[in-house]
Amino acid sequence: MDYAGKYVDGYVLPLPKAKVEAFREFAARVGAIWREHGALAYVECVGEDVKPGTYTSFPQAVDLQADETVVFAWIVFPSRAERDRINAAVMADPRSAEMSQDPMMFDGKRMFWGGFDVLVDV
């Protein structure tokens, strides 16, 4: 897929290793909702080679604990305006409200995220 000119929300979070499968199931349900409302892609990746760095790294950024791994994820939207519309639609979707009642699988205080314009797509 060509992502040039698109908009991406990206996020990183710490996830207990014991909850990876439950998170996979949760993310699949949530991702389907985002896609139904117009997101072009919804991707959740679990850390496999994320070593601590000298100055900064994924593990340091989320204060990773010994029993945790890192999740790196992104959602692709046609534009910033579409991202705002789609996110509002997802939040209003009754299925999202049901899922927000699930106990939090990770420490949300150590999660970080942001929105990005795609600069290069080769």
N, C-alpha and C. Protein backbone atom coordinates (compact mmCIF):
# COMPACT_ATOMS: atom_id res chain seq x y z
N MET A 1 0.84 -1.18 0.00
CA MET A 1 0.00 0.00 0.00
C MET A 1 0.89 1.25 0.00
N ASP A 2 0.48 2.24 -0.70
CA ASP A 2 1.20 3.51 -0.76
C ASP A 2 0.71 4.41 0.37
N TYR A 3 1.59 4.73 1.32
CA TYR A 3 1.22 5.56 2.45
C TYR A 3 1.60 7.03 2.27
N ALA A 4 2.18 7.39 1.12
CA ALA A 4 2.55 8.79 0.88
C ALA A 4 1.33 9.67 1.02
N GLY A 5 1.48 10.76 1.77
CA GLY A 5 0.38 11.70 1.97
C GLY A 5 -0.63 11.27 3.01
N LYS A 6 -0.41 10.13 3.65
CA LYS A 6 -1.35 9.64 4.66
C LYS A 6 -0.95 10.15 6.04
N TYR A 7 -1.75 9.78 7.04
CA TYR A 7 -1.53 10.19 8.42
C TYR A 7 -1.47 8.94 9.29
N VAL A 8 -0.55 8.92 10.26
CA VAL A 8 -0.35 7.74 11.10
C VAL A 8 -0.41 8.13 12.57
N ASP A 9 -1.18 7.38 13.35
CA ASP A 9 -1.09 7.44 14.80
C ASP A 9 -0.19 6.29 15.22
N GLY A 10 0.83 6.58 16.01
CA GLY A 10 1.73 5.54 16.48
C GLY A 10 1.77 5.54 17.99
N TYR A 11 2.00 4.36 18.56
CA TYR A 11 2.11 4.28 20.01
C TYR A 11 2.99 3.11 20.43
N VAL A 12 3.52 3.24 21.64
CA VAL A 12 4.39 2.24 22.24
C VAL A 12 3.92 2.04 23.68
N LEU A 13 3.87 0.78 24.12
CA LEU A 13 3.41 0.50 25.47
C LEU A 13 4.09 -0.74 26.03
N PRO A 14 4.16 -0.84 27.36
CA PRO A 14 4.71 -2.04 27.99
C PRO A 14 3.57 -3.04 28.20
N LEU A 15 3.83 -4.31 27.92
CA LEU A 15 2.79 -5.33 28.06
C LEU A 15 3.36 -6.52 28.83
N PRO A 16 2.67 -6.95 29.89
CA PRO A 16 3.13 -8.15 30.58
C PRO A 16 3.19 -9.33 29.60
N LYS A 17 4.28 -10.07 29.63
CA LYS A 17 4.44 -11.20 28.72
C LYS A 17 3.31 -12.20 28.87
N ALA A 18 2.79 -12.36 30.07
CA ALA A 18 1.71 -13.31 30.33
C ALA A 18 0.40 -12.88 29.66
N LYS A 19 0.32 -11.64 29.20
CA LYS A 19 -0.93 -11.13 28.61
C LYS A 19 -0.85 -10.94 27.10
N VAL A 20 0.22 -11.42 26.47
CA VAL A 20 0.38 -11.21 25.03
C VAL A 20 -0.78 -11.79 24.24
N GLU A 21 -1.18 -13.01 24.53
CA GLU A 21 -2.27 -13.63 23.76
C GLU A 21 -3.59 -12.91 23.99
N ALA A 22 -3.89 -12.54 25.22
CA ALA A 22 -5.12 -11.79 25.50
C ALA A 22 -5.09 -10.44 24.79
N PHE A 23 -3.92 -9.80 24.76
CA PHE A 23 -3.79 -8.52 24.06
C PHE A 23 -3.97 -8.71 22.56
N ARG A 24 -3.44 -9.80 22.01
CA ARG A 24 -3.61 -10.08 20.58
C ARG A 24 -5.10 -10.17 20.24
N GLU A 25 -5.85 -10.88 21.05
CA GLU A 25 -7.29 -11.02 20.81
C GLU A 25 -8.00 -9.67 20.93
N PHE A 26 -7.65 -8.91 21.95
CA PHE A 26 -8.22 -7.57 22.15
C PHE A 26 -7.90 -6.67 20.96
N ALA A 27 -6.62 -6.64 20.56
CA ALA A 27 -6.20 -5.78 19.46
C ALA A 27 -6.88 -6.17 18.15
N ALA A 28 -7.10 -7.45 17.93
CA ALA A 28 -7.79 -7.89 16.71
C ALA A 28 -9.22 -7.37 16.69
N ARG A 29 -9.89 -7.41 17.83
CA ARG A 29 -11.27 -6.89 17.90
C ARG A 29 -11.29 -5.37 17.69
N VAL A 30 -10.40 -4.68 18.38
CA VAL A 30 -10.35 -3.21 18.28
C VAL A 30 -9.93 -2.79 16.88
N GLY A 31 -8.92 -3.46 16.34
CA GLY A 31 -8.44 -3.13 14.99
C GLY A 31 -9.53 -3.27 13.94
N ALA A 32 -10.36 -4.29 14.09
CA ALA A 32 -11.47 -4.48 13.13
C ALA A 32 -12.44 -3.31 13.19
N ILE A 33 -12.66 -2.78 14.37
CA ILE A 33 -13.55 -1.62 14.50
C ILE A 33 -12.94 -0.40 13.80
N TRP A 34 -11.64 -0.16 14.02
CA TRP A 34 -10.98 0.96 13.35
C TRP A 34 -11.08 0.80 11.83
N ARG A 35 -10.83 -0.40 11.34
CA ARG A 35 -10.88 -0.64 9.89
C ARG A 35 -12.30 -0.43 9.36
N GLU A 36 -13.30 -0.88 10.07
CA GLU A 36 -14.70 -0.69 9.63
C GLU A 36 -15.05 0.78 9.50
N HIS A 37 -14.45 1.60 10.35
CA HIS A 37 -14.75 3.04 10.33
C HIS A 37 -13.85 3.81 9.37
N GLY A 38 -12.93 3.13 8.67
CA GLY A 38 -12.18 3.80 7.62
C GLY A 38 -10.67 3.82 7.74
N ALA A 39 -10.10 3.29 8.83
CA ALA A 39 -8.64 3.23 8.91
C ALA A 39 -8.12 2.35 7.79
N LEU A 40 -7.00 2.73 7.20
CA LEU A 40 -6.42 1.97 6.09
C LEU A 40 -5.62 0.76 6.58
N ALA A 41 -5.05 0.86 7.77
CA ALA A 41 -4.29 -0.25 8.34
C ALA A 41 -4.27 -0.10 9.85
N TYR A 42 -4.21 -1.23 10.53
CA TYR A 42 -4.11 -1.27 11.99
C TYR A 42 -3.09 -2.36 12.31
N VAL A 43 -1.95 -1.99 12.90
CA VAL A 43 -0.85 -2.94 13.11
C VAL A 43 -0.38 -2.87 14.56
N GLU A 44 -0.30 -4.02 15.21
CA GLU A 44 0.25 -4.13 16.57
C GLU A 44 1.41 -5.11 16.49
N CYS A 45 2.59 -4.71 16.96
CA CYS A 45 3.78 -5.56 16.93
C CYS A 45 4.28 -5.78 18.35
N VAL A 46 4.72 -7.01 18.64
CA VAL A 46 5.25 -7.32 19.96
C VAL A 46 6.77 -7.42 19.87
N GLY A 47 7.45 -6.87 20.86
CA GLY A 47 8.91 -6.82 20.86
C GLY A 47 9.56 -8.19 20.77
N GLU A 48 10.56 -8.28 19.93
CA GLU A 48 11.32 -9.52 19.78
C GLU A 48 12.82 -9.22 19.92
N ASP A 49 13.25 -8.06 19.47
CA ASP A 49 14.65 -7.66 19.57
C ASP A 49 14.69 -6.19 19.99
N VAL A 50 14.40 -5.92 21.24
CA VAL A 50 14.31 -4.55 21.75
C VAL A 50 15.20 -4.41 23.00
N LYS A 51 16.47 -4.29 22.74
CA LYS A 51 17.46 -4.20 23.82
C LYS A 51 17.50 -2.78 24.39
N PRO A 52 17.85 -2.68 25.68
CA PRO A 52 18.05 -1.35 26.27
C PRO A 52 19.22 -0.65 25.58
N GLY A 53 19.12 0.65 25.45
CA GLY A 53 20.18 1.41 24.82
C GLY A 53 21.06 2.10 25.85
N THR A 54 22.05 2.80 25.36
CA THR A 54 22.93 3.56 26.24
C THR A 54 22.21 4.81 26.75
N TYR A 55 21.53 5.49 25.84
CA TYR A 55 20.85 6.74 26.21
C TYR A 55 19.34 6.63 26.17
N THR A 56 18.82 5.92 25.17
CA THR A 56 17.37 5.76 25.06
C THR A 56 17.08 4.51 24.25
N SER A 57 15.88 3.99 24.39
CA SER A 57 15.45 2.79 23.68
C SER A 57 13.97 2.56 23.98
N PHE A 58 13.39 1.62 23.28
CA PHE A 58 12.00 1.27 23.59
C PHE A 58 11.86 0.81 25.04
N PRO A 59 12.72 -0.11 25.53
CA PRO A 59 12.57 -0.52 26.93
C PRO A 59 12.69 0.64 27.92
N GLN A 60 13.64 1.54 27.68
CA GLN A 60 13.79 2.67 28.58
C GLN A 60 12.62 3.63 28.49
N ALA A 61 12.08 3.80 27.31
CA ALA A 61 10.99 4.75 27.12
C ALA A 61 9.74 4.36 27.90
N VAL A 62 9.52 3.04 28.07
CA VAL A 62 8.32 2.58 28.79
C VAL A 62 8.65 2.03 30.17
N ASP A 63 9.89 2.24 30.63
CA ASP A 63 10.34 1.71 31.93
C ASP A 63 10.00 0.22 32.02
N LEU A 64 10.47 -0.52 31.02
CA LEU A 64 10.15 -1.94 30.88
C LEU A 64 10.61 -2.74 32.09
N GLN A 65 9.72 -3.60 32.60
CA GLN A 65 10.03 -4.47 33.72
C GLN A 65 10.40 -5.86 33.19
N ALA A 66 11.01 -6.69 34.03
CA ALA A 66 11.53 -7.99 33.61
C ALA A 66 10.45 -8.91 33.03
N ASP A 67 9.23 -8.79 33.50
CA ASP A 67 8.15 -9.67 33.05
C ASP A 67 7.33 -9.05 31.91
N GLU A 68 7.85 -8.01 31.26
CA GLU A 68 7.12 -7.30 30.22
C GLU A 68 7.86 -7.35 28.88
N THR A 69 7.11 -7.06 27.83
CA THR A 69 7.66 -6.85 26.50
C THR A 69 7.12 -5.51 26.00
N VAL A 70 7.60 -5.06 24.86
CA VAL A 70 7.18 -3.79 24.29
C VAL A 70 6.23 -4.04 23.11
N VAL A 71 5.17 -3.26 23.05
CA VAL A 71 4.28 -3.27 21.88
C VAL A 71 4.51 -1.96 21.14
N PHE A 72 4.72 -2.07 19.84
CA PHE A 72 4.92 -0.93 18.94
C PHE A 72 3.79 -1.04 17.92
N ALA A 73 3.00 0.01 17.77
CA ALA A 73 1.81 -0.11 16.93
C ALA A 73 1.53 1.17 16.17
N TRP A 74 0.74 1.04 15.10
CA TRP A 74 0.34 2.20 14.33
C TRP A 74 -0.97 1.94 13.60
N ILE A 75 -1.66 3.04 13.36
CA ILE A 75 -2.91 3.02 12.59
C ILE A 75 -2.73 4.02 11.47
N VAL A 76 -3.05 3.62 10.24
CA VAL A 76 -2.88 4.49 9.07
C VAL A 76 -4.25 5.03 8.66
N PHE A 77 -4.29 6.33 8.41
CA PHE A 77 -5.51 7.03 8.01
C PHE A 77 -5.27 7.76 6.69
N PRO A 78 -6.34 8.03 5.95
CA PRO A 78 -6.17 8.79 4.70
C PRO A 78 -5.63 10.20 4.93
N SER A 79 -5.96 10.82 6.07
CA SER A 79 -5.55 12.19 6.36
C SER A 79 -5.75 12.47 7.84
N ARG A 80 -5.27 13.61 8.31
CA ARG A 80 -5.50 14.01 9.71
C ARG A 80 -6.99 14.21 9.96
N ALA A 81 -7.67 14.84 9.03
CA ALA A 81 -9.11 15.07 9.20
C ALA A 81 -9.86 13.74 9.29
N GLU A 82 -9.48 12.80 8.44
CA GLU A 82 -10.12 11.48 8.49
C GLU A 82 -9.76 10.76 9.79
N ARG A 83 -8.55 10.94 10.28
CA ARG A 83 -8.17 10.34 11.56
C ARG A 83 -9.06 10.85 12.67
N ASP A 84 -9.29 12.16 12.70
CA ASP A 84 -10.15 12.73 13.73
C ASP A 84 -11.58 12.20 13.62
N ARG A 85 -12.08 12.11 12.41
CA ARG A 85 -13.44 11.59 12.19
C ARG A 85 -13.54 10.12 12.59
N ILE A 86 -12.57 9.32 12.14
CA ILE A 86 -12.57 7.88 12.42
C ILE A 86 -12.43 7.62 13.92
N ASN A 87 -11.50 8.32 14.58
CA ASN A 87 -11.34 8.12 16.02
C ASN A 87 -12.62 8.46 16.77
N ALA A 88 -13.31 9.53 16.38
CA ALA A 88 -14.58 9.89 17.02
C ALA A 88 -15.62 8.79 16.79
N ALA A 89 -15.66 8.26 15.57
CA ALA A 89 -16.62 7.19 15.27
C ALA A 89 -16.30 5.92 16.08
N VAL A 90 -15.03 5.61 16.22
CA VAL A 90 -14.64 4.43 17.00
C VAL A 90 -15.03 4.63 18.46
N MET A 91 -14.77 5.80 19.00
CA MET A 91 -15.12 6.05 20.41
C MET A 91 -16.63 6.01 20.63
N ALA A 92 -17.42 6.38 19.62
CA ALA A 92 -18.88 6.35 19.73
C ALA A 92 -19.46 4.96 19.47
N ASP A 93 -18.68 4.08 18.89
CA ASP A 93 -19.14 2.73 18.57
C ASP A 93 -19.41 1.96 19.86
N PRO A 94 -20.59 1.37 20.01
CA PRO A 94 -20.92 0.65 21.25
C PRO A 94 -19.94 -0.49 21.56
N ARG A 95 -19.34 -1.09 20.56
CA ARG A 95 -18.37 -2.16 20.80
C ARG A 95 -17.13 -1.62 21.50
N SER A 96 -16.75 -0.39 21.21
CA SER A 96 -15.60 0.20 21.89
C SER A 96 -15.91 0.44 23.35
N ALA A 97 -17.12 0.87 23.64
CA ALA A 97 -17.52 1.11 25.03
C ALA A 97 -17.48 -0.19 25.82
N GLU A 98 -17.92 -1.29 25.21
CA GLU A 98 -17.87 -2.58 25.90
C GLU A 98 -16.44 -2.99 26.20
N MET A 99 -15.54 -2.77 25.23
CA MET A 99 -14.15 -3.17 25.43
C MET A 99 -13.45 -2.30 26.45
N SER A 100 -13.88 -1.06 26.60
CA SER A 100 -13.22 -0.19 27.57
C SER A 100 -13.54 -0.64 29.00
N GLN A 101 -14.52 -1.51 29.15
CA GLN A 101 -14.86 -2.04 30.47
C GLN A 101 -13.90 -3.16 30.89
N ASP A 102 -13.16 -3.73 29.91
CA ASP A 102 -12.18 -4.77 30.23
C ASP A 102 -11.11 -4.18 31.14
N PRO A 103 -10.57 -4.99 32.05
CA PRO A 103 -9.46 -4.47 32.87
C PRO A 103 -8.28 -4.11 31.97
N MET A 104 -7.60 -3.04 32.30
CA MET A 104 -6.44 -2.60 31.52
C MET A 104 -5.37 -3.69 31.58
N MET A 105 -4.87 -4.08 30.42
CA MET A 105 -3.87 -5.15 30.36
C MET A 105 -2.45 -4.63 30.55
N PHE A 106 -2.28 -3.32 30.52
CA PHE A 106 -0.94 -2.74 30.63
C PHE A 106 -1.04 -1.44 31.41
N ASP A 107 0.11 -0.92 31.81
CA ASP A 107 0.17 0.33 32.56
C ASP A 107 0.11 1.50 31.58
N GLY A 108 -1.05 2.09 31.44
CA GLY A 108 -1.27 3.18 30.50
C GLY A 108 -0.44 4.42 30.80
N LYS A 109 0.04 4.57 32.02
CA LYS A 109 0.88 5.72 32.36
C LYS A 109 2.25 5.64 31.70
N ARG A 110 2.63 4.43 31.27
CA ARG A 110 3.93 4.26 30.62
C ARG A 110 3.80 4.13 29.11
N MET A 111 2.63 4.35 28.59
CA MET A 111 2.37 4.33 27.14
C MET A 111 2.65 5.72 26.58
N PHE A 112 3.16 5.78 25.35
CA PHE A 112 3.27 7.09 24.69
C PHE A 112 2.83 6.96 23.24
N TRP A 113 2.39 8.07 22.66
CA TRP A 113 1.80 8.05 21.34
C TRP A 113 1.90 9.41 20.69
N GLY A 114 1.57 9.44 19.41
CA GLY A 114 1.56 10.70 18.69
C GLY A 114 1.02 10.49 17.27
N GLY A 115 0.71 11.60 16.62
CA GLY A 115 0.22 11.58 15.25
C GLY A 115 1.30 12.11 14.31
N PHE A 116 1.39 11.49 13.13
CA PHE A 116 2.48 11.80 12.21
C PHE A 116 2.00 11.88 10.76
N ASP A 117 2.53 12.86 10.02
CA ASP A 117 2.37 12.89 8.57
C ASP A 117 3.42 11.94 7.99
N VAL A 118 3.03 11.14 6.98
CA VAL A 118 4.00 10.26 6.35
C VAL A 118 4.95 11.12 5.52
N LEU A 119 6.24 10.98 5.77
CA LEU A 119 7.26 11.76 5.10
C LEU A 119 7.82 11.04 3.88
N VAL A 120 8.08 9.73 4.04
CA VAL A 120 8.64 8.92 2.96
C VAL A 120 7.95 7.57 2.97
N ASP A 121 7.61 7.07 1.81
CA ASP A 121 7.08 5.71 1.65
C ASP A 121 7.71 5.15 0.38
N VAL A 122 8.73 4.33 0.55
CA VAL A 122 9.48 3.81 -0.59
C VAL A 122 9.06 2.39 -0.88
